[in-house]
PDB file of N, CA and C in Angstrom:
ATOM      1  N   UNK A   1     104.327  80.643 102.691  1.00  0.00           N
ATOM      2  CA  UNK A   1     104.651  81.841 103.446  1.00  0.00           C
ATOM      3  C   UNK A   1     104.065  83.044 102.712  1.00  0.00           C
ATOM      4  N   UNK A   2     103.400  83.929 103.428  1.00  0.00           N
ATOM      5  CA  UNK A   2     102.913  85.148 102.775  1.00  0.00           C
ATOM      6  C   UNK A   2     104.075  85.950 102.192  1.00  0.00           C
ATOM      7  N   UNK A   3     103.882  86.425 100.979  1.00  0.00           N
ATOM      8  CA  UNK A   3     104.936  87.153 100.282  1.00  0.00           C
ATOM      9  C   UNK A   3     105.405  88.368 101.069  1.00  0.00           C
ATOM     10  N   UNK A   4     104.480  89.058 101.704  1.00  0.00           N
ATOM     11  CA  UNK A   4     104.857  90.252 102.468  1.00  0.00           C
ATOM     12  C   UNK A   4     105.829  89.900 103.585  1.00  0.00           C
ATOM     13  N   UNK A   5     105.609  88.797 104.255  1.00  0.00           N
ATOM     14  CA  UNK A   5     106.520  88.370 105.323  1.00  0.00           C
ATOM     15  C   UNK A   5     107.903  88.071 104.761  1.00  0.00           C
ATOM     16  N   UNK A   6     107.947  87.398 103.619  1.00  0.00           N
ATOM     17  CA  UNK A   6     109.223  87.042 103.009  1.00  0.00           C
ATOM     18  C   UNK A   6     109.979  88.288 102.550  1.00  0.00           C
ATOM     19  N   UNK A   7     109.307  89.134 101.781  1.00  0.00           N
ATOM     20  CA  UNK A   7     109.975  90.310 101.218  1.00  0.00           C
ATOM     21  C   UNK A   7     110.405  91.292 102.299  1.00  0.00           C
ATOM     22  N   UNK A   8     109.648  91.375 103.380  1.00  0.00           N
ATOM     23  CA  UNK A   8     110.000  92.328 104.437  1.00  0.00           C
ATOM     24  C   UNK A   8     111.337  91.990 105.099  1.00  0.00           C
ATOM     25  N   UNK A   9     111.844  90.794 104.884  1.00  0.00           N
ATOM     26  CA  UNK A   9     113.173  90.441 105.384  1.00  0.00           C
ATOM     27  C   UNK A   9     114.273  91.092 104.537  1.00  0.00           C
ATOM     28  N   UNK A  10     113.912  91.568 103.337  1.00  0.00           N
ATOM     29  CA  UNK A  10     114.885  92.135 102.409  1.00  0.00           C
ATOM     30  C   UNK A  10     114.614  93.596 102.066  1.00  0.00           C
ATOM     31  N   UNK A  11     113.365  94.025 102.217  1.00  0.00           N
ATOM     32  CA  UNK A  11     112.958  95.376 101.842  1.00  0.00           C
ATOM     33  C   UNK A  11     112.203  95.996 103.009  1.00  0.00           C
ATOM     34  N   UNK A  12     112.557  97.223 103.356  1.00  0.00           N
ATOM     35  CA  UNK A  12     111.852  97.937 104.416  1.00  0.00           C
ATOM     36  C   UNK A  12     110.492  98.374 103.871  1.00  0.00           C
ATOM     37  N   UNK A  13     109.425  97.817 104.413  1.00  0.00           N
ATOM     38  CA  UNK A  13     108.072  98.082 103.937  1.00  0.00           C
ATOM     39  C   UNK A  13     107.257  98.802 104.999  1.00  0.00           C
ATOM     40  N   UNK A  14     106.343  99.647 104.539  1.00  0.00           N
ATOM     41  CA  UNK A  14     105.395 100.269 105.467  1.00  0.00           C
ATOM     42  C   UNK A  14     103.983  99.879 105.025  1.00  0.00           C
ATOM     43  N   UNK A  15     103.115  99.617 105.975  1.00  0.00           N
ATOM     44  CA  UNK A  15     101.758  99.160 105.651  1.00  0.00           C
ATOM     45  C   UNK A  15     100.933 100.225 104.934  1.00  0.00           C
ATOM     46  N   UNK A  16     100.116  99.775 103.997  1.00  0.00           N
ATOM     47  CA  UNK A  16      99.100 100.584 103.326  1.00  0.00           C
ATOM     48  C   UNK A  16      97.853  99.712 103.206  1.00  0.00           C
ATOM     49  N   UNK A  17      96.760 100.286 102.736  1.00  0.00           N
ATOM     50  CA  UNK A  17      95.490  99.552 102.678  1.00  0.00           C
ATOM     51  C   UNK A  17      95.581  98.242 101.896  1.00  0.00           C
ATOM     52  N   UNK A  18      96.314  98.236 100.787  1.00  0.00           N
ATOM     53  CA  UNK A  18      96.378  97.031  99.956  1.00  0.00           C
ATOM     54  C   UNK A  18      97.476  96.058 100.371  1.00  0.00           C
ATOM     55  N   UNK A  19      98.359  96.467 101.253  1.00  0.00           N
ATOM     56  CA  UNK A  19      99.472  95.619 101.678  1.00  0.00           C
ATOM     57  C   UNK A  19     100.595  96.433 102.256  1.00  0.00           C
ATOM     58  N   UNK A  20     101.616  96.720 101.413  1.00  0.00           N
ATOM     59  CA  UNK A  20     102.764  97.491 101.892  1.00  0.00           C
ATOM     60  C   UNK A  20     103.489  98.121 100.708  1.00  0.00           C
ATOM     61  N   UNK A  21     104.233  99.196 101.001  1.00  0.00           N
ATOM     62  CA  UNK A  21     105.056  99.856  99.990  1.00  0.00           C
ATOM     63  C   UNK A  21     106.438 100.129 100.571  1.00  0.00           C
ATOM     64  N   UNK A  22     107.390 100.304  99.676  1.00  0.00           N
ATOM     65  CA  UNK A  22     108.745 100.623 100.084  1.00  0.00           C
ATOM     66  C   UNK A  22     109.568 101.025  98.882  1.00  0.00           C
ATOM     67  N   UNK A  23     110.841 101.286  99.127  1.00  0.00           N
ATOM     68  CA  UNK A  23     111.750 101.628  98.038  1.00  0.00           C
ATOM     69  C   UNK A  23     112.112 100.357  97.286  1.00  0.00           C
ATOM     70  N   UNK A  24     112.056 100.432  95.968  1.00  0.00           N
ATOM     71  CA  UNK A  24     112.357  99.261  95.147  1.00  0.00           C
ATOM     72  C   UNK A  24     113.830  98.875  95.297  1.00  0.00           C
ATOM     73  N   UNK A  25     114.089  97.605  95.570  1.00  0.00           N
ATOM     74  CA  UNK A  25     115.477  97.170  95.715  1.00  0.00           C
ATOM     75  C   UNK A  25     116.182  96.946  94.376  1.00  0.00           C
ATOM     76  N   UNK A  26     115.442  97.099  93.279  1.00  0.00           N
ATOM     77  CA  UNK A  26     116.001  96.781  91.967  1.00  0.00           C
ATOM     78  C   UNK A  26     116.430  97.996  91.156  1.00  0.00           C
ATOM     79  N   UNK A  27     116.209  99.199  91.680  1.00  0.00           N
ATOM     80  CA  UNK A  27     116.705 100.410  91.023  1.00  0.00           C
ATOM     81  C   UNK A  27     116.920 101.485  92.083  1.00  0.00           C
ATOM     82  N   UNK A  28     117.599 102.554  91.690  1.00  0.00           N
ATOM     83  CA  UNK A  28     117.867 103.677  92.599  1.00  0.00           C
ATOM     84  C   UNK A  28     116.556 104.420  92.814  1.00  0.00           C
ATOM     85  N   UNK A  29     115.858 104.075  93.842  1.00  0.00           N
ATOM     86  CA  UNK A  29     114.498 104.542  94.095  1.00  0.00           C
ATOM     87  C   UNK A  29     114.497 105.679  95.114  1.00  0.00           C
ATOM     88  N   UNK A  30     114.147 106.875  94.660  1.00  0.00           N
ATOM     89  CA  UNK A  30     114.094 108.031  95.547  1.00  0.00           C
ATOM     90  C   UNK A  30     112.744 108.170  96.241  1.00  0.00           C
ATOM     91  N   UNK A  31     111.710 107.604  95.642  1.00  0.00           N
ATOM     92  CA  UNK A  31     110.357 107.637  96.199  1.00  0.00           C
ATOM     93  C   UNK A  31     109.822 106.213  96.188  1.00  0.00           C
ATOM     94  N   UNK A  32     109.173 105.767  97.242  1.00  0.00           N
ATOM     95  CA  UNK A  32     108.691 104.385  97.294  1.00  0.00           C
ATOM     96  C   UNK A  32     107.848 104.023  96.070  1.00  0.00           C
ATOM     97  N   UNK A  33     108.357 103.097  95.275  1.00  0.00           N
ATOM     98  CA  UNK A  33     107.643 102.666  94.076  1.00  0.00           C
ATOM     99  C   UNK A  33     107.466 101.151  94.041  1.00  0.00           C
ATOM    100  N   UNK A  34     107.731 100.510  95.153  1.00  0.00           N
ATOM    101  CA  UNK A  34     107.644  99.048  95.250  1.00  0.00           C
ATOM    102  C   UNK A  34     106.470  98.704  96.158  1.00  0.00           C
ATOM    103  N   UNK A  35     105.579  97.867  95.668  1.00  0.00           N
ATOM    104  CA  UNK A  35     104.427  97.497  96.471  1.00  0.00           C
ATOM    105  C   UNK A  35     104.251  95.996  96.572  1.00  0.00           C
ATOM    106  N   UNK A  36     103.688  95.569  97.679  1.00  0.00           N
ATOM    107  CA  UNK A  36     103.313  94.170  97.871  1.00  0.00           C
ATOM    108  C   UNK A  36     101.812  94.155  98.128  1.00  0.00           C
ATOM    109  N   UNK A  37     101.092  93.413  97.306  1.00  0.00           N
ATOM    110  CA  UNK A  37      99.655  93.289  97.460  1.00  0.00           C
ATOM    111  C   UNK A  37      99.377  92.085  98.344  1.00  0.00           C
ATOM    112  N   UNK A  38      98.800  92.346  99.506  1.00  0.00           N
ATOM    113  CA  UNK A  38      98.590  91.289 100.488  1.00  0.00           C
ATOM    114  C   UNK A  38      97.563  90.267 100.011  1.00  0.00           C
ATOM    115  N   UNK A  39      96.444  90.732  99.477  1.00  0.00           N
ATOM    116  CA  UNK A  39      95.389  89.819  99.053  1.00  0.00           C
ATOM    117  C   UNK A  39      95.814  88.975  97.850  1.00  0.00           C
ATOM    118  N   UNK A  40      96.456  89.600  96.882  1.00  0.00           N
ATOM    119  CA  UNK A  40      96.893  88.893  95.685  1.00  0.00           C
ATOM    120  C   UNK A  40      98.198  88.146  95.852  1.00  0.00           C
ATOM    121  N   UNK A  41      98.929  88.424  96.931  1.00  0.00           N
ATOM    122  CA  UNK A  41     100.205  87.782  97.244  1.00  0.00           C
ATOM    123  C   UNK A  41     101.217  87.956  96.106  1.00  0.00           C
ATOM    124  N   UNK A  42     101.340  89.215  95.626  1.00  0.00           N
ATOM    125  CA  UNK A  42     102.316  89.515  94.585  1.00  0.00           C
ATOM    126  C   UNK A  42     102.990  90.855  94.874  1.00  0.00           C
ATOM    127  N   UNK A  43     104.148  91.074  94.238  1.00  0.00           N
ATOM    128  CA  UNK A  43     104.876  92.333  94.360  1.00  0.00           C
ATOM    129  C   UNK A  43     104.880  93.025  93.005  1.00  0.00           C
ATOM    130  N   UNK A  44     105.119  94.349  93.026  1.00  0.00           N
ATOM    131  CA  UNK A  44     105.203  95.101  91.789  1.00  0.00           C
ATOM    132  C   UNK A  44     106.025  96.358  91.996  1.00  0.00           C
ATOM    133  N   UNK A  45     106.895  96.641  91.032  1.00  0.00           N
ATOM    134  CA  UNK A  45     107.593  97.919  90.993  1.00  0.00           C
ATOM    135  C   UNK A  45     106.828  98.805  90.023  1.00  0.00           C
ATOM    136  N   UNK A  46     106.344  99.932  90.507  1.00  0.00           N
ATOM    137  CA  UNK A  46     105.554 100.832  89.681  1.00  0.00           C
ATOM    138  C   UNK A  46     106.423 101.687  88.759  1.00  0.00           C
ATOM    139  N   UNK A  47     107.731 101.486  88.809  1.00  0.00           N
ATOM    140  CA  UNK A  47     108.647 102.172  87.894  1.00  0.00           C
ATOM    141  C   UNK A  47     109.125 101.257  86.778  1.00  0.00           C
ATOM    142  N   UNK A  48     108.617 100.024  86.751  1.00  0.00           N
ATOM    143  CA  UNK A  48     108.913  99.141  85.634  1.00  0.00           C
ATOM    144  C   UNK A  48     109.932  98.045  85.850  1.00  0.00           C
ATOM    145  N   UNK A  49     110.349  97.804  87.078  1.00  0.00           N
ATOM    146  CA  UNK A  49     111.345  96.751  87.329  1.00  0.00           C
ATOM    147  C   UNK A  49     110.760  95.342  87.261  1.00  0.00           C
ATOM    148  N   UNK A  50     109.448  95.229  87.326  1.00  0.00           N
ATOM    149  CA  UNK A  50     108.821  93.919  87.241  1.00  0.00           C
ATOM    150  C   UNK A  50     107.770  93.728  88.306  1.00  0.00           C
ATOM    151  N   UNK A  51     107.267  92.510  88.340  1.00  0.00           N
ATOM    152  CA  UNK A  51     106.247  92.132  89.309  1.00  0.00           C
ATOM    153  C   UNK A  51     106.163  90.618  89.333  1.00  0.00           C
ATOM    154  N   UNK A  52     105.437  90.091  90.310  1.00  0.00           N
ATOM    155  CA  UNK A  52     105.223  88.651  90.307  1.00  0.00           C
ATOM    156  C   UNK A  52     105.141  88.022  91.675  1.00  0.00           C
ATOM    157  N   UNK A  53     105.495  86.763  91.688  1.00  0.00           N
ATOM    158  CA  UNK A  53     105.391  85.899  92.857  1.00  0.00           C
ATOM    159  C   UNK A  53     106.669  85.917  93.684  1.00  0.00           C
ATOM    160  N   UNK A  54     106.686  85.108  94.708  1.00  0.00           N
ATOM    161  CA  UNK A  54     107.888  84.954  95.525  1.00  0.00           C
ATOM    162  C   UNK A  54     109.044  84.426  94.675  1.00  0.00           C
ATOM    163  N   UNK A  55     108.728  83.543  93.724  1.00  0.00           N
ATOM    164  CA  UNK A  55     109.768  82.992  92.848  1.00  0.00           C
ATOM    165  C   UNK A  55     110.342  84.096  91.964  1.00  0.00           C
ATOM    166  N   UNK A  56     109.475  84.917  91.400  1.00  0.00           N
ATOM    167  CA  UNK A  56     109.941  86.030  90.560  1.00  0.00           C
ATOM    168  C   UNK A  56     110.817  86.994  91.350  1.00  0.00           C
ATOM    169  N   UNK A  57     110.408  87.292  92.585  1.00  0.00           N
ATOM    170  CA  UNK A  57     111.209  88.181  93.436  1.00  0.00           C
ATOM    171  C   UNK A  57     112.586  87.573  93.674  1.00  0.00           C
ATOM    172  N   UNK A  58     112.640  86.303  94.040  1.00  0.00           N
ATOM    173  CA  UNK A  58     113.911  85.664  94.367  1.00  0.00           C
ATOM    174  C   UNK A  58     114.818  85.578  93.139  1.00  0.00           C
ATOM    175  N   UNK A  59     114.247  85.283  91.974  1.00  0.00           N
ATOM    176  CA  UNK A  59     115.033  85.241  90.743  1.00  0.00           C
ATOM    177  C   UNK A  59     115.680  86.595  90.477  1.00  0.00           C
ATOM    178  N   UNK A  60     114.909  87.651  90.626  1.00  0.00           N
ATOM    179  CA  UNK A  60     115.427  88.999  90.376  1.00  0.00           C
ATOM    180  C   UNK A  60     116.407  89.420  91.468  1.00  0.00           C
ATOM    181  N   UNK A  61     116.085  89.127  92.724  1.00  0.00           N
ATOM    182  CA  UNK A  61     116.940  89.488  93.868  1.00  0.00           C
ATOM    183  C   UNK A  61     118.321  88.840  93.743  1.00  0.00           C
ATOM    184  N   UNK A  62     118.334  87.562  93.389  1.00  0.00           N
ATOM    185  CA  UNK A  62     119.593  86.801  93.324  1.00  0.00           C
ATOM    186  C   UNK A  62     120.228  86.776  91.932  1.00  0.00           C
ATOM    187  N   UNK A  63     119.473  87.184  90.902  1.00  0.00           N
ATOM    188  CA  UNK A  63     119.991  87.124  89.534  1.00  0.00           C
ATOM    189  C   UNK A  63     120.153  85.694  89.054  1.00  0.00           C
ATOM    190  N   UNK A  64     119.170  84.856  89.362  1.00  0.00           N
ATOM    191  CA  UNK A  64     119.249  83.433  89.025  1.00  0.00           C
ATOM    192  C   UNK A  64     118.048  83.021  88.179  1.00  0.00           C
ATOM    193  N   UNK A  65     118.130  81.830  87.622  1.00  0.00           N
ATOM    194  CA  UNK A  65     117.059  81.291  86.786  1.00  0.00           C
ATOM    195  C   UNK A  65     116.041  80.525  87.636  1.00  0.00           C
ATOM    196  N   UNK A  66     114.912  80.213  87.032  1.00  0.00           N
ATOM    197  CA  UNK A  66     113.789  79.580  87.712  1.00  0.00           C
ATOM    198  C   UNK A  66     114.145  78.305  88.493  1.00  0.00           C
ATOM    199  N   UNK A  67     114.810  77.317  87.874  1.00  0.00           N
ATOM    200  CA  UNK A  67     115.080  76.079  88.631  1.00  0.00           C
ATOM    201  C   UNK A  67     115.895  76.303  89.906  1.00  0.00           C
ATOM    202  N   UNK A  68     116.898  77.168  89.819  1.00  0.00           N
ATOM    203  CA  UNK A  68     117.716  77.452  90.991  1.00  0.00           C
ATOM    204  C   UNK A  68     116.902  78.207  92.039  1.00  0.00           C
ATOM    205  N   UNK A  69     116.062  79.135  91.604  1.00  0.00           N
ATOM    206  CA  UNK A  69     115.230  79.894  92.538  1.00  0.00           C
ATOM    207  C   UNK A  69     114.279  78.967  93.286  1.00  0.00           C
ATOM    208  N   UNK A  70     113.659  78.045  92.573  1.00  0.00           N
ATOM    209  CA  UNK A  70     112.734  77.101  93.210  1.00  0.00           C
ATOM    210  C   UNK A  70     113.474  76.242  94.230  1.00  0.00           C
ATOM    211  N   UNK A  71     114.644  75.764  93.865  1.00  0.00           N
ATOM    212  CA  UNK A  71     115.424  74.921  94.778  1.00  0.00           C
ATOM    213  C   UNK A  71     115.839  75.706  96.028  1.00  0.00           C
ATOM    214  N   UNK A  72     116.319  76.929  95.839  1.00  0.00           N
ATOM    215  CA  UNK A  72     116.738  77.735  96.986  1.00  0.00           C
ATOM    216  C   UNK A  72     115.562  78.078  97.896  1.00  0.00           C
ATOM    217  N   UNK A  73     114.444  78.463  97.307  1.00  0.00           N
ATOM    218  CA  UNK A  73     113.269  78.800  98.113  1.00  0.00           C
ATOM    219  C   UNK A  73     112.736  77.581  98.856  1.00  0.00           C
ATOM    220  N   UNK A  74     112.772  76.423  98.215  1.00  0.00           N
ATOM    221  CA  UNK A  74     112.320  75.200  98.881  1.00  0.00           C
ATOM    222  C   UNK A  74     113.156  74.946 100.130  1.00  0.00           C
ATOM    223  N   UNK A  75     114.452  75.175 100.019  1.00  0.00           N
ATOM    224  CA  UNK A  75     115.333  74.993 101.173  1.00  0.00           C
ATOM    225  C   UNK A  75     115.091  76.066 102.242  1.00  0.00           C
ATOM    226  N   UNK A  76     115.004  77.314 101.802  1.00  0.00           N
ATOM    227  CA  UNK A  76     114.782  78.425 102.743  1.00  0.00           C
ATOM    228  C   UNK A  76     113.468  78.249 103.490  1.00  0.00           C
ATOM    229  N   UNK A  77     112.427  77.862 102.763  1.00  0.00           N
ATOM    230  CA  UNK A  77     111.093  77.753 103.362  1.00  0.00           C
ATOM    231  C   UNK A  77     110.834  76.393 104.011  1.00  0.00           C
ATOM    232  N   UNK A  78     111.819  75.505 103.948  1.00  0.00           N
ATOM    233  CA  UNK A  78     111.708  74.222 104.636  1.00  0.00           C
ATOM    234  C   UNK A  78     110.795  73.215 104.002  1.00  0.00           C
ATOM    235  N   UNK A  79     110.684  73.233 102.680  1.00  0.00           N
ATOM    236  CA  UNK A  79     109.825  72.250 102.022  1.00  0.00           C
ATOM    237  C   UNK A  79     110.630  71.119 101.393  1.00  0.00           C
ATOM    238  N   UNK A  80     111.929  71.108 101.651  1.00  0.00           N
ATOM    239  CA  UNK A  80     112.797  70.033 101.165  1.00  0.00           C
ATOM    240  C   UNK A  80     113.227  69.216 102.366  1.00  0.00           C
ATOM    241  N   UNK A  81     113.214  67.908 102.208  1.00  0.00           N
ATOM    242  CA  UNK A  81     113.627  67.019 103.300  1.00  0.00           C
ATOM    243  C   UNK A  81     115.121  67.013 103.448  1.00  0.00           C
TER     244      UNK A  81
END
């Protein structure tokens, strides 16, 4: 699943040339500092909250560790039987 499609279910994003931007969900963001790069399929907070893949986003969003994030995403995205 494209990261932008996934994250847009949790963060209000507006399109820009490189992908999309919005308010970072990980800090009190008064100005949009959260971006999703469409071509690179990664997210980044330009205020220092982090960056990464869909797994990194889910770990930070839920406050969970890697194995649990992978298991939850596999279920959400339908890759588990």
